Amino acid sequence: WYRQAPGKEREVVATITPSVSTNYADSVKGRFTISRDNAKKT
């Protein structure tokens, strides 16, 4: 997930690998959770 605020560059918010390893921007750590459902492709 990326985000872009008005007048700012696009920035990465969170990533998740095929092995379900996750990483978060410092600004969202502890508040946001990324997840995936491969069966639903979502």
PDB file of all heavy atoms in Angstrom:
ATOM      1  N   TRP A   1       0.865  -1.186   0.000  1.00  0.00           N
ATOM      2  CA  TRP A   1       0.000   0.000   0.000  1.00  0.00           C
ATOM      3  C   TRP A   1       0.896   1.229   0.000  1.00  0.00           C
ATOM      4  O   TRP A   1       1.843   1.317   0.786  1.00  0.00           O
ATOM      5  CB  TRP A   1      -0.902   0.021   1.220  1.00  0.00           C
ATOM      6  CG  TRP A   1      -1.985  -0.990   1.187  1.00  0.00           C
ATOM      7  CD1 TRP A   1      -2.007  -2.208   1.812  1.00  0.00           C
ATOM      8  CD2 TRP A   1      -3.241  -0.891   0.491  1.00  0.00           C
ATOM      9  NE1 TRP A   1      -3.175  -2.877   1.542  1.00  0.00           N
ATOM     10  CE2 TRP A   1      -3.956  -2.077   0.739  1.00  0.00           C
ATOM     11  CE3 TRP A   1      -3.829   0.089  -0.314  1.00  0.00           C
ATOM     12  CZ2 TRP A   1      -5.227  -2.309   0.197  1.00  0.00           C
ATOM     13  CZ3 TRP A   1      -5.085  -0.137  -0.844  1.00  0.00           C
ATOM     14  CH2 TRP A   1      -5.774  -1.328  -0.587  1.00  0.00           C
ATOM     15  N   TYR A   2       0.578   2.160  -0.889  1.00  0.00           N
ATOM     16  CA  TYR A   2       1.215   3.461  -0.937  1.00  0.00           C
ATOM     17  C   TYR A   2       0.130   4.510  -0.691  1.00  0.00           C
ATOM     18  O   TYR A   2      -1.062   4.235  -0.782  1.00  0.00           O
ATOM     19  CB  TYR A   2       1.832   3.714  -2.319  1.00  0.00           C
ATOM     20  CG  TYR A   2       3.108   2.966  -2.600  1.00  0.00           C
ATOM     21  CD1 TYR A   2       3.099   1.602  -2.838  1.00  0.00           C
ATOM     22  CD2 TYR A   2       4.327   3.641  -2.666  1.00  0.00           C
ATOM     23  CE1 TYR A   2       4.276   0.907  -3.110  1.00  0.00           C
ATOM     24  CE2 TYR A   2       5.506   2.964  -2.943  1.00  0.00           C
ATOM     25  CZ  TYR A   2       5.465   1.602  -3.162  1.00  0.00           C
ATOM     26  OH  TYR A   2       6.627   0.927  -3.438  1.00  0.00           O
ATOM     27  N   ARG A   3       0.582   5.717  -0.413  1.00  0.00           N
ATOM     28  CA  ARG A   3      -0.370   6.832  -0.306  1.00  0.00           C
ATOM     29  C   ARG A   3       0.276   8.110  -0.817  1.00  0.00           C
ATOM     30  O   ARG A   3       1.503   8.251  -0.805  1.00  0.00           O
ATOM     31  CB  ARG A   3      -0.858   7.019   1.124  1.00  0.00           C
ATOM     32  CG  ARG A   3       0.189   7.491   2.108  1.00  0.00           C
ATOM     33  CD  ARG A   3      -0.389   7.511   3.526  1.00  0.00           C
ATOM     34  NE  ARG A   3       0.586   7.986   4.516  1.00  0.00           N
ATOM     35  CZ  ARG A   3       0.375   7.973   5.825  1.00  0.00           C
ATOM     36  NH1 ARG A   3      -0.791   7.509   6.322  1.00  0.00           N
ATOM     37  NH2 ARG A   3       1.296   8.418   6.650  1.00  0.00           N
ATOM     38  N   GLN A   4      -0.577   9.004  -1.271  1.00  0.00           N
ATOM     39  CA  GLN A   4      -0.111  10.305  -1.754  1.00  0.00           C
ATOM     40  C   GLN A   4      -1.062  11.374  -1.266  1.00  0.00           C
ATOM     41  O   GLN A   4      -2.234  11.388  -1.628  1.00  0.00           O
ATOM     42  CB  GLN A   4      -0.008  10.315  -3.279  1.00  0.00           C
ATOM     43  CG  GLN A   4       0.634  11.563  -3.826  1.00  0.00           C
ATOM     44  CD  GLN A   4       1.003  11.442  -5.295  1.00  0.00           C
ATOM     45  OE1 GLN A   4       0.495  10.572  -6.007  1.00  0.00           O
ATOM     46  NE2 GLN A   4       1.899  12.289  -5.754  1.00  0.00           N
ATOM     47  N   ALA A   5      -0.517  12.254  -0.448  1.00  0.00           N
ATOM     48  CA  ALA A   5      -1.282  13.399   0.051  1.00  0.00           C
ATOM     49  C   ALA A   5      -1.127  14.562  -0.919  1.00  0.00           C
ATOM     50  O   ALA A   5      -0.142  14.624  -1.674  1.00  0.00           O
ATOM     51  CB  ALA A   5      -0.793  13.771   1.437  1.00  0.00           C
ATOM     52  N   PRO A   6      -2.060  15.504  -0.909  1.00  0.00           N
ATOM     53  CA  PRO A   6      -1.972  16.654  -1.821  1.00  0.00           C
ATOM     54  C   PRO A   6      -0.647  17.394  -1.652  1.00  0.00           C
ATOM     55  O   PRO A   6      -0.232  17.711  -0.531  1.00  0.00           O
ATOM     56  CB  PRO A   6      -3.147  17.523  -1.390  1.00  0.00           C
ATOM     57  CG  PRO A   6      -4.130  16.578  -0.795  1.00  0.00           C
ATOM     58  CD  PRO A   6      -3.296  15.536  -0.115  1.00  0.00           C
ATOM     59  N   GLY A   7       0.036  17.627  -2.759  1.00  0.00           N
ATOM     60  CA  GLY A   7       1.288  18.365  -2.734  1.00  0.00           C
ATOM     61  C   GLY A   7       2.486  17.582  -2.256  1.00  0.00           C
ATOM     62  O   GLY A   7       3.576  18.140  -2.104  1.00  0.00           O
ATOM     63  N   LYS A   8       2.304  16.291  -2.012  1.00  0.00           N
ATOM     64  CA  LYS A   8       3.400  15.467  -1.527  1.00  0.00           C
ATOM     65  C   LYS A   8       3.669  14.308  -2.482  1.00  0.00           C
ATOM     66  O   LYS A   8       2.838  13.958  -3.304  1.00  0.00           O
ATOM     67  CB  LYS A   8       3.092  14.928  -0.129  1.00  0.00           C
ATOM     68  CG  LYS A   8       2.997  16.000   0.949  1.00  0.00           C
ATOM     69  CD  LYS A   8       2.867  15.379   2.318  1.00  0.00           C
ATOM     70  CE  LYS A   8       2.861  16.443   3.405  1.00  0.00           C
ATOM     71  NZ  LYS A   8       2.756  15.848   4.762  1.00  0.00           N
ATOM     72  N   GLU A   9       4.861  13.723  -2.331  1.00  0.00           N
ATOM     73  CA  GLU A   9       5.201  12.573  -3.157  1.00  0.00           C
ATOM     74  C   GLU A   9       4.512  11.310  -2.626  1.00  0.00           C
ATOM     75  O   GLU A   9       4.167  11.222  -1.444  1.00  0.00           O
ATOM     76  CB  GLU A   9       6.726  12.373  -3.157  1.00  0.00           C
ATOM     77  CG  GLU A   9       7.482  13.479  -3.862  1.00  0.00           C
ATOM     78  CD  GLU A   9       8.958  13.153  -4.018  1.00  0.00           C
ATOM     79  OE1 GLU A   9       9.404  12.108  -3.496  1.00  0.00           O
ATOM     80  OE2 GLU A   9       9.665  13.937  -4.675  1.00  0.00           O
ATOM     81  N   ARG A  10       4.344  10.349  -3.531  1.00  0.00           N
ATOM     82  CA  ARG A  10       3.782   9.073  -3.130  1.00  0.00           C
ATOM     83  C   ARG A  10       4.777   8.368  -2.203  1.00  0.00           C
ATOM     84  O   ARG A  10       5.975   8.342  -2.473  1.00  0.00           O
ATOM     85  CB  ARG A  10       3.496   8.213  -4.355  1.00  0.00           C
ATOM     86  CG  ARG A  10       2.690   6.984  -4.074  1.00  0.00           C
ATOM     87  CD  ARG A  10       2.296   6.271  -5.364  1.00  0.00           C
ATOM     88  NE  ARG A  10       1.430   7.093  -6.204  1.00  0.00           N
ATOM     89  CZ  ARG A  10       0.808   6.644  -7.291  1.00  0.00           C
ATOM     90  NH1 ARG A  10       0.955   5.369  -7.662  1.00  0.00           N
ATOM     91  NH2 ARG A  10       0.057   7.449  -8.009  1.00  0.00           N
ATOM     92  N   GLU A  11       4.274   7.799  -1.128  1.00  0.00           N
ATOM     93  CA  GLU A  11       5.130   7.127  -0.167  1.00  0.00           C
ATOM     94  C   GLU A  11       4.575   5.739   0.150  1.00  0.00           C
ATOM     95  O   GLU A  11       3.361   5.513   0.117  1.00  0.00           O
ATOM     96  CB  GLU A  11       5.234   7.934   1.140  1.00  0.00           C
ATOM     97  CG  GLU A  11       3.928   8.112   1.876  1.00  0.00           C
ATOM     98  CD  GLU A  11       4.089   8.817   3.210  1.00  0.00           C
ATOM     99  OE1 GLU A  11       5.210   9.170   3.585  1.00  0.00           O
ATOM    100  OE2 GLU A  11       3.060   9.005   3.890  1.00  0.00           O
ATOM    101  N   VAL A  12       5.490   4.824   0.467  1.00  0.00           N
ATOM    102  CA  VAL A  12       5.073   3.477   0.824  1.00  0.00           C
ATOM    103  C   VAL A  12       4.547   3.478   2.254  1.00  0.00           C
ATOM    104  O   VAL A  12       5.137   4.102   3.140  1.00  0.00           O
ATOM    105  CB  VAL A  12       6.230   2.472   0.648  1.00  0.00           C
ATOM    106  CG1 VAL A  12       7.395   2.804   1.542  1.00  0.00           C
ATOM    107  CG2 VAL A  12       5.746   1.060   0.865  1.00  0.00           C
ATOM    108  N   VAL A  13       3.443   2.799   2.456  1.00  0.00           N
ATOM    109  CA  VAL A  13       2.824   2.698   3.770  1.00  0.00           C
ATOM    110  C   VAL A  13       3.165   1.345   4.412  1.00  0.00           C
ATOM    111  O   VAL A  13       3.565   1.283   5.572  1.00  0.00           O
ATOM    112  CB  VAL A  13       1.299   2.848   3.661  1.00  0.00           C
ATOM    113  CG1 VAL A  13       0.622   2.606   5.003  1.00  0.00           C
ATOM    114  CG2 VAL A  13       0.944   4.227   3.117  1.00  0.00           C
ATOM    115  N   ALA A  14       2.984   0.276   3.652  1.00  0.00           N
ATOM    116  CA  ALA A  14       3.218  -1.067   4.182  1.00  0.00           C
ATOM    117  C   ALA A  14       3.427  -2.032   3.031  1.00  0.00           C
ATOM    118  O   ALA A  14       2.878  -1.839   1.942  1.00  0.00           O
ATOM    119  CB  ALA A  14       2.043  -1.526   5.039  1.00  0.00           C
ATOM    120  N   THR A  15       4.228  -3.053   3.291  1.00  0.00           N
ATOM    121  CA  THR A  15       4.470  -4.091   2.285  1.00  0.00           C
ATOM    122  C   THR A  15       4.284  -5.466   2.916  1.00  0.00           C
ATOM    123  O   THR A  15       4.459  -5.640   4.133  1.00  0.00           O
ATOM    124  CB  THR A  15       5.887  -4.003   1.697  1.00  0.00           C
ATOM    125  OG1 THR A  15       6.840  -4.198   2.747  1.00  0.00           O
ATOM    126  CG2 THR A  15       6.131  -2.654   1.043  1.00  0.00           C
ATOM    127  N   ILE A  16       3.959  -6.442   2.054  1.00  0.00           N
ATOM    128  CA  ILE A  16       3.834  -7.827   2.503  1.00  0.00           C
ATOM    129  C   ILE A  16       4.348  -8.730   1.390  1.00  0.00           C
ATOM    130  O   ILE A  16       3.939  -8.609   0.245  1.00  0.00           O
ATOM    131  CB  ILE A  16       2.376  -8.161   2.904  1.00  0.00           C
ATOM    132  CG1 ILE A  16       2.277  -9.567   3.481  1.00  0.00           C
ATOM    133  CG2 ILE A  16       1.406  -7.949   1.743  1.00  0.00           C
ATOM    134  CD1 ILE A  16       0.948  -9.832   4.192  1.00  0.00           C
ATOM    135  N   THR A  17       5.264  -9.610   1.746  1.00  0.00           N
ATOM    136  CA  THR A  17       5.890 -10.489   0.761  1.00  0.00           C
ATOM    137  C   THR A  17       5.063 -11.764   0.577  1.00  0.00           C
ATOM    138  O   THR A  17       4.123 -12.023   1.354  1.00  0.00           O
ATOM    139  CB  THR A  17       7.301 -10.869   1.222  1.00  0.00           C
ATOM    140  OG1 THR A  17       7.186 -11.703   2.393  1.00  0.00           O
ATOM    141  CG2 THR A  17       8.128  -9.639   1.544  1.00  0.00           C
ATOM    142  N   PRO A  18       5.427 -12.569  -0.418  1.00  0.00           N
ATOM    143  CA  PRO A  18       4.730 -13.858  -0.587  1.00  0.00           C
ATOM    144  C   PRO A  18       4.831 -14.749   0.654  1.00  0.00           C
ATOM    145  O   PRO A  18       3.929 -15.557   0.918  1.00  0.00           O
ATOM    146  CB  PRO A  18       5.436 -14.486  -1.789  1.00  0.00           C
ATOM    147  CG  PRO A  18       5.885 -13.314  -2.586  1.00  0.00           C
ATOM    148  CD  PRO A  18       6.287 -12.269  -1.573  1.00  0.00           C
ATOM    149  N   SER A  19       5.903 -14.608   1.419  1.00  0.00           N
ATOM    150  CA  SER A  19       6.060 -15.389   2.647  1.00  0.00           C
ATOM    151  C   SER A  19       5.419 -14.709   3.854  1.00  0.00           C
ATOM    152  O   SER A  19       5.629 -15.122   5.001  1.00  0.00           O
ATOM    153  CB  SER A  19       7.553 -15.623   2.922  1.00  0.00           C
ATOM    154  OG  SER A  19       8.217 -14.383   3.089  1.00  0.00           O
ATOM    155  N   VAL A  20       4.647 -13.652   3.574  1.00  0.00           N
ATOM    156  CA  VAL A  20       3.876 -12.925   4.598  1.00  0.00           C
ATOM    157  C   VAL A  20       4.772 -12.179   5.579  1.00  0.00           C
ATOM    158  O   VAL A  20       4.405 -11.979   6.749  1.00  0.00           O
ATOM    159  CB  VAL A  20       2.872 -13.841   5.338  1.00  0.00           C
ATOM    160  CG1 VAL A  20       1.753 -13.008   5.971  1.00  0.00           C
ATOM    161  CG2 VAL A  20       2.242 -14.843   4.395  1.00  0.00           C
ATOM    162  N   SER A  21       5.934 -11.774   5.125  1.00  0.00           N
ATOM    163  CA  SER A  21       6.769 -10.870   5.909  1.00  0.00           C
ATOM    164  C   SER A  21       6.275  -9.455   5.663  1.00  0.00           C
ATOM    165  O   SER A  21       6.038  -9.064   4.517  1.00  0.00           O
ATOM    166  CB  SER A  21       8.230 -11.012   5.487  1.00  0.00           C
ATOM    167  OG  SER A  21       9.031 -10.069   6.151  1.00  0.00           O
ATOM    168  N   THR A  22       6.114  -8.681   6.727  1.00  0.00           N
ATOM    169  CA  THR A  22       5.546  -7.345   6.589  1.00  0.00           C
ATOM    170  C   THR A  22       6.536  -6.268   7.011  1.00  0.00           C
ATOM    171  O   THR A  22       7.458  -6.504   7.804  1.00  0.00           O
ATOM    172  CB  THR A  22       4.279  -7.206   7.440  1.00  0.00           C
ATOM    173  OG1 THR A  22       4.594  -7.450   8.815  1.00  0.00           O
ATOM    174  CG2 THR A  22       3.206  -8.173   6.988  1.00  0.00           C
ATOM    175  N   ASN A  23       6.304  -5.073   6.470  1.00  0.00           N
ATOM    176  CA  ASN A  23       7.118  -3.923   6.834  1.00  0.00           C
ATOM    177  C   ASN A  23       6.219  -2.693   6.777  1.00  0.00           C
ATOM    178  O   ASN A  23       5.317  -2.622   5.927  1.00  0.00           O
ATOM    179  CB  ASN A  23       8.300  -3.767   5.877  1.00  0.00           C
ATOM    180  CG  ASN A  23       9.373  -2.862   6.437  1.00  0.00           C
ATOM    181  OD1 ASN A  23       9.485  -2.702   7.657  1.00  0.00           O
ATOM    182  ND2 ASN A  23      10.171  -2.275   5.567  1.00  0.00           N
ATOM    183  N   TYR A  24       6.475  -1.736   7.681  1.00  0.00           N
ATOM    184  CA  TYR A  24       5.618  -0.570   7.790  1.00  0.00           C
ATOM    185  C   TYR A  24       6.437   0.719   7.842  1.00  0.00           C
ATOM    186  O   TYR A  24       7.548   0.743   8.378  1.00  0.00           O
ATOM    187  CB  TYR A  24       4.772  -0.644   9.068  1.00  0.00           C
ATOM    188  CG  TYR A  24       3.812  -1.796   9.100  1.00  0.00           C
ATOM    189  CD1 TYR A  24       4.182  -3.019   9.642  1.00  0.00           C
ATOM    190  CD2 TYR A  24       2.529  -1.665   8.578  1.00  0.00           C
ATOM    191  CE1 TYR A  24       3.311  -4.086   9.667  1.00  0.00           C
ATOM    192  CE2 TYR A  24       1.634  -2.727   8.600  1.00  0.00           C
ATOM    193  CZ  TYR A  24       2.039  -3.932   9.142  1.00  0.00           C
ATOM    194  OH  TYR A  24       1.157  -4.978   9.162  1.00  0.00           O
ATOM    195  N   ALA A  25       5.853   1.777   7.322  1.00  0.00           N
ATOM    196  CA  ALA A  25       6.430   3.095   7.519  1.00  0.00           C
ATOM    197  C   ALA A  25       6.346   3.440   9.005  1.00  0.00           C
ATOM    198  O   ALA A  25       5.393   3.051   9.689  1.00  0.00           O
ATOM    199  CB  ALA A  25       5.670   4.121   6.696  1.00  0.00           C
ATOM    200  N   ASP A  26       7.331   4.174   9.483  1.00  0.00           N
ATOM    201  CA  ASP A  26       7.348   4.528  10.906  1.00  0.00           C
ATOM    202  C   ASP A  26       6.081   5.258  11.324  1.00  0.00           C
ATOM    203  O   ASP A  26       5.611   5.105  12.447  1.00  0.00           O
ATOM    204  CB  ASP A  26       8.569   5.403  11.205  1.00  0.00           C
ATOM    205  CG  ASP A  26       9.865   4.618  11.191  1.00  0.00           C
ATOM    206  OD1 ASP A  26       9.815   3.372  11.265  1.00  0.00           O
ATOM    207  OD2 ASP A  26      10.928   5.250  11.095  1.00  0.00           O
ATOM    208  N   SER A  27       5.532   6.048  10.426  1.00  0.00           N
ATOM    209  CA  SER A  27       4.369   6.882  10.747  1.00  0.00           C
ATOM    210  C   SER A  27       3.097   6.065  11.004  1.00  0.00           C
ATOM    211  O   SER A  27       2.142   6.589  11.572  1.00  0.00           O
ATOM    212  CB  SER A  27       4.121   7.889   9.625  1.00  0.00           C
ATOM    213  OG  SER A  27       3.893   7.220   8.399  1.00  0.00           O
ATOM    214  N   VAL A  28       3.080   4.795  10.574  1.00  0.00           N
ATOM    215  CA  VAL A  28       1.860   3.992  10.748  1.00  0.00           C
ATOM    216  C   VAL A  28       2.077   2.772  11.619  1.00  0.00           C
ATOM    217  O   VAL A  28       1.112   2.031  11.898  1.00  0.00           O
ATOM    218  CB  VAL A  28       1.270   3.561   9.386  1.00  0.00           C
ATOM    219  CG1 VAL A  28       1.071   4.777   8.481  1.00  0.00           C
ATOM    220  CG2 VAL A  28       2.148   2.518   8.709  1.00  0.00           C
ATOM    221  N   LYS A  29       3.297   2.526  12.058  1.00  0.00           N
ATOM    222  CA  LYS A  29       3.579   1.345  12.888  1.00  0.00           C
ATOM    223  C   LYS A  29       2.712   1.355  14.140  1.00  0.00           C
ATOM    224  O   LYS A  29       2.576   2.371  14.811  1.00  0.00           O
ATOM    225  CB  LYS A  29       5.058   1.325  13.277  1.00  0.00           C
ATOM    226  CG  LYS A  29       5.972   0.780  12.216  1.00  0.00           C
ATOM    227  CD  LYS A  29       7.423   0.762  12.690  1.00  0.00           C
ATOM    228  CE  LYS A  29       8.338   0.248  11.596  1.00  0.00           C
ATOM    229  NZ  LYS A  29       9.762   0.307  11.988  1.00  0.00           N
ATOM    230  N   GLY A  30       2.130   0.187  14.422  1.00  0.00           N
ATOM    231  CA  GLY A  30       1.273   0.055  15.599  1.00  0.00           C
ATOM    232  C   GLY A  30      -0.152   0.491  15.367  1.00  0.00           C
ATOM    233  O   GLY A  30      -1.021   0.249  16.213  1.00  0.00           O
ATOM    234  N   ARG A  31      -0.425   1.120  14.217  1.00  0.00           N
ATOM    235  CA  ARG A  31      -1.798   1.569  13.920  1.00  0.00           C
ATOM    236  C   ARG A  31      -2.386   0.847  12.710  1.00  0.00           C
ATOM    237  O   ARG A  31      -3.587   0.608  12.654  1.00  0.00           O
ATOM    238  CB  ARG A  31      -1.830   3.070  13.668  1.00  0.00           C
ATOM    239  CG  ARG A  31      -1.346   3.909  14.832  1.00  0.00           C
ATOM    240  CD  ARG A  31      -1.578   5.399  14.584  1.00  0.00           C
ATOM    241  NE  ARG A  31      -0.844   5.905  13.427  1.00  0.00           N
ATOM    242  CZ  ARG A  31      -1.403   6.481  12.380  1.00  0.00           C
ATOM    243  NH1 ARG A  31      -2.728   6.629  12.317  1.00  0.00           N
ATOM    244  NH2 ARG A  31      -0.668   6.937  11.362  1.00  0.00           N
ATOM    245  N   PHE A  32      -1.549   0.550  11.722  1.00  0.00           N
ATOM    246  CA  PHE A  32      -2.001  -0.084  10.480  1.00  0.00           C
ATOM    247  C   PHE A  32      -1.527  -1.532  10.438  1.00  0.00           C
ATOM    248  O   PHE A  32      -0.435  -1.852  10.930  1.00  0.00           O
ATOM    249  CB  PHE A  32      -1.449   0.634   9.266  1.00  0.00           C
ATOM    250  CG  PHE A  32      -2.013   2.016   9.014  1.00  0.00           C
ATOM    251  CD1 PHE A  32      -2.812   2.666   9.948  1.00  0.00           C
ATOM    252  CD2 PHE A  32      -1.739   2.662   7.817  1.00  0.00           C
ATOM    253  CE1 PHE A  32      -3.319   3.923   9.705  1.00  0.00           C
ATOM    254  CE2 PHE A  32      -2.242   3.934   7.557  1.00  0.00           C
ATOM    255  CZ  PHE A  32      -3.023   4.553   8.512  1.00  0.00           C
ATOM    256  N   THR A  33      -2.324  -2.390   9.801  1.00  0.00           N
ATOM    257  CA  THR A  33      -1.950  -3.779   9.607  1.00  0.00           C
ATOM    258  C   THR A  33      -2.239  -4.197   8.169  1.00  0.00           C
ATOM    259  O   THR A  33      -3.376  -4.061   7.699  1.00  0.00           O
ATOM    260  CB  THR A  33      -2.723  -4.707  10.556  1.00  0.00           C
ATOM    261  OG1 THR A  33      -2.480  -4.314  11.908  1.00  0.00           O
ATOM    262  CG2 THR A  33      -2.277  -6.159  10.363  1.00  0.00           C
ATOM    263  N   ILE A  34      -1.213  -4.661   7.484  1.00  0.00           N
ATOM    264  CA  ILE A  34      -1.373  -5.171   6.127  1.00  0.00           C
ATOM    265  C   ILE A  34      -1.526  -6.686   6.185  1.00  0.00           C
ATOM    266  O   ILE A  34      -0.892  -7.366   7.000  1.00  0.00           O
ATOM    267  CB  ILE A  34      -0.165  -4.768   5.244  1.00  0.00           C
ATOM    268  CG1 ILE A  34      -0.434  -5.096   3.772  1.00  0.00           C
ATOM    269  CG2 ILE A  34       1.123  -5.409   5.729  1.00  0.00           C
ATOM    270  CD1 ILE A  34       0.625  -4.517   2.819  1.00  0.00           C
ATOM    271  N   SER A  35      -2.386  -7.210   5.318  1.00  0.00           N
ATOM    272  CA  SER A  35      -2.591  -8.664   5.256  1.00  0.00           C
ATOM    273  C   SER A  35      -3.020  -9.044   3.851  1.00  0.00           C
ATOM    274  O   SER A  35      -3.382  -8.168   3.049  1.00  0.00           O
ATOM    275  CB  SER A  35      -3.627  -9.126   6.286  1.00  0.00           C
ATOM    276  OG  SER A  35      -4.881  -8.536   6.035  1.00  0.00           O
ATOM    277  N   ARG A  36      -2.972 -10.337   3.582  1.00  0.00           N
ATOM    278  CA  ARG A  36      -3.355 -10.811   2.257  1.00  0.00           C
ATOM    279  C   ARG A  36      -4.098 -12.135   2.379  1.00  0.00           C
ATOM    280  O   ARG A  36      -3.839 -12.920   3.285  1.00  0.00           O
ATOM    281  CB  ARG A  36      -2.120 -10.976   1.377  1.00  0.00           C
ATOM    282  CG  ARG A  36      -1.139 -12.033   1.829  1.00  0.00           C
ATOM    283  CD  ARG A  36       0.194 -11.926   1.084  1.00  0.00           C
ATOM    284  NE  ARG A  36       0.049 -12.114  -0.345  1.00  0.00           N
ATOM    285  CZ  ARG A  36       0.957 -11.739  -1.248  1.00  0.00           C
ATOM    286  NH1 ARG A  36       2.083 -11.159  -0.849  1.00  0.00           N
ATOM    287  NH2 ARG A  36       0.745 -11.968  -2.536  1.00  0.00           N
ATOM    288  N   ASP A  37      -5.001 -12.351   1.428  1.00  0.00           N
ATOM    289  CA  ASP A  37      -5.716 -13.622   1.314  1.00  0.00           C
ATOM    290  C   ASP A  37      -5.464 -14.129  -0.098  1.00  0.00           C
ATOM    291  O   ASP A  37      -6.094 -13.658  -1.051  1.00  0.00           O
ATOM    292  CB  ASP A  37      -7.206 -13.417   1.583  1.00  0.00           C
ATOM    293  CG  ASP A  37      -7.989 -14.723   1.595  1.00  0.00           C
ATOM    294  OD1 ASP A  37      -7.578 -15.682   0.900  1.00  0.00           O
ATOM    295  OD2 ASP A  37      -9.027 -14.786   2.265  1.00  0.00           O
ATOM    296  N   ASN A  38      -4.535 -15.047  -0.232  1.00  0.00           N
ATOM    297  CA  ASN A  38      -4.164 -15.517  -1.560  1.00  0.00           C
ATOM    298  C   ASN A  38      -5.299 -16.260  -2.248  1.00  0.00           C
ATOM    299  O   ASN A  38      -5.423 -16.200  -3.477  1.00  0.00           O
ATOM    300  CB  ASN A  38      -2.932 -16.410  -1.476  1.00  0.00           C
ATOM    301  CG  ASN A  38      -1.670 -15.633  -1.134  1.00  0.00           C
ATOM    302  OD1 ASN A  38      -1.610 -14.424  -1.344  1.00  0.00           O
ATOM    303  ND2 ASN A  38      -0.678 -16.319  -0.595  1.00  0.00           N
ATOM    304  N   ALA A  39      -6.126 -16.952  -1.489  1.00  0.00           N
ATOM    305  CA  ALA A  39      -7.254 -17.679  -2.088  1.00  0.00           C
ATOM    306  C   ALA A  39      -8.247 -16.705  -2.725  1.00  0.00           C
ATOM    307  O   ALA A  39      -8.832 -17.008  -3.768  1.00  0.00           O
ATOM    308  CB  ALA A  39      -7.945 -18.528  -1.043  1.00  0.00           C
ATOM    309  N   LYS A  40      -8.415 -15.550  -2.108  1.00  0.00           N
ATOM    310  CA  LYS A  40      -9.336 -14.535  -2.638  1.00  0.00           C
ATOM    311  C   LYS A  40      -8.622 -13.519  -3.517  1.00  0.00           C
ATOM    312  O   LYS A  40      -9.261 -12.614  -4.059  1.00  0.00           O
ATOM    313  CB  LYS A  40     -10.036 -13.810  -1.489  1.00  0.00           C
ATOM    314  CG  LYS A  40     -10.959 -14.694  -0.668  1.00  0.00           C
ATOM    315  CD  LYS A  40     -11.651 -13.885   0.418  1.00  0.00           C
ATOM    316  CE  LYS A  40     -12.618 -14.754   1.212  1.00  0.00           C
ATOM    317  NZ  LYS A  40     -13.313 -13.983   2.276  1.00  0.00           N
ATOM    318  N   LYS A  41      -7.305 -13.644  -3.622  1.00  0.00           N
ATOM    319  CA  LYS A  41      -6.518 -12.674  -4.395  1.00  0.00           C
ATOM    320  C   LYS A  41      -6.816 -11.249  -3.935  1.00  0.00           C
ATOM    321  O   LYS A  41      -7.064 -10.346  -4.743  1.00  0.00           O
ATOM    322  CB  LYS A  41      -6.774 -12.815  -5.901  1.00  0.00           C
ATOM    323  CG  LYS A  41      -6.261 -14.118  -6.500  1.00  0.00           C
ATOM    324  CD  LYS A  41      -6.335 -14.086  -8.009  1.00  0.00           C
ATOM    325  CE  LYS A  41      -5.710 -15.321  -8.624  1.00  0.00           C
ATOM    326  NZ  LYS A  41      -5.711 -15.279 -10.110  1.00  0.00           N
ATOM    327  N   THR A  42      -6.783 -11.055  -2.640  1.00  0.00           N
ATOM    328  CA  THR A  42      -7.143  -9.762  -2.077  1.00  0.00           C
ATOM    329  C   THR A  42      -6.111  -9.321  -1.044  1.00  0.00           C
ATOM    330  O   THR A  42      -5.656 -10.114  -0.219  1.00  0.00           O
ATOM    331  CB  THR A  42      -8.535  -9.811  -1.441  1.00  0.00           C
ATOM    332  OG1 THR A  42      -9.484 -10.200  -2.432  1.00  0.00           O
ATOM    333  CG2 THR A  42      -8.939  -8.442  -0.899  1.00  0.00           C
TER     334      THR A  42
END
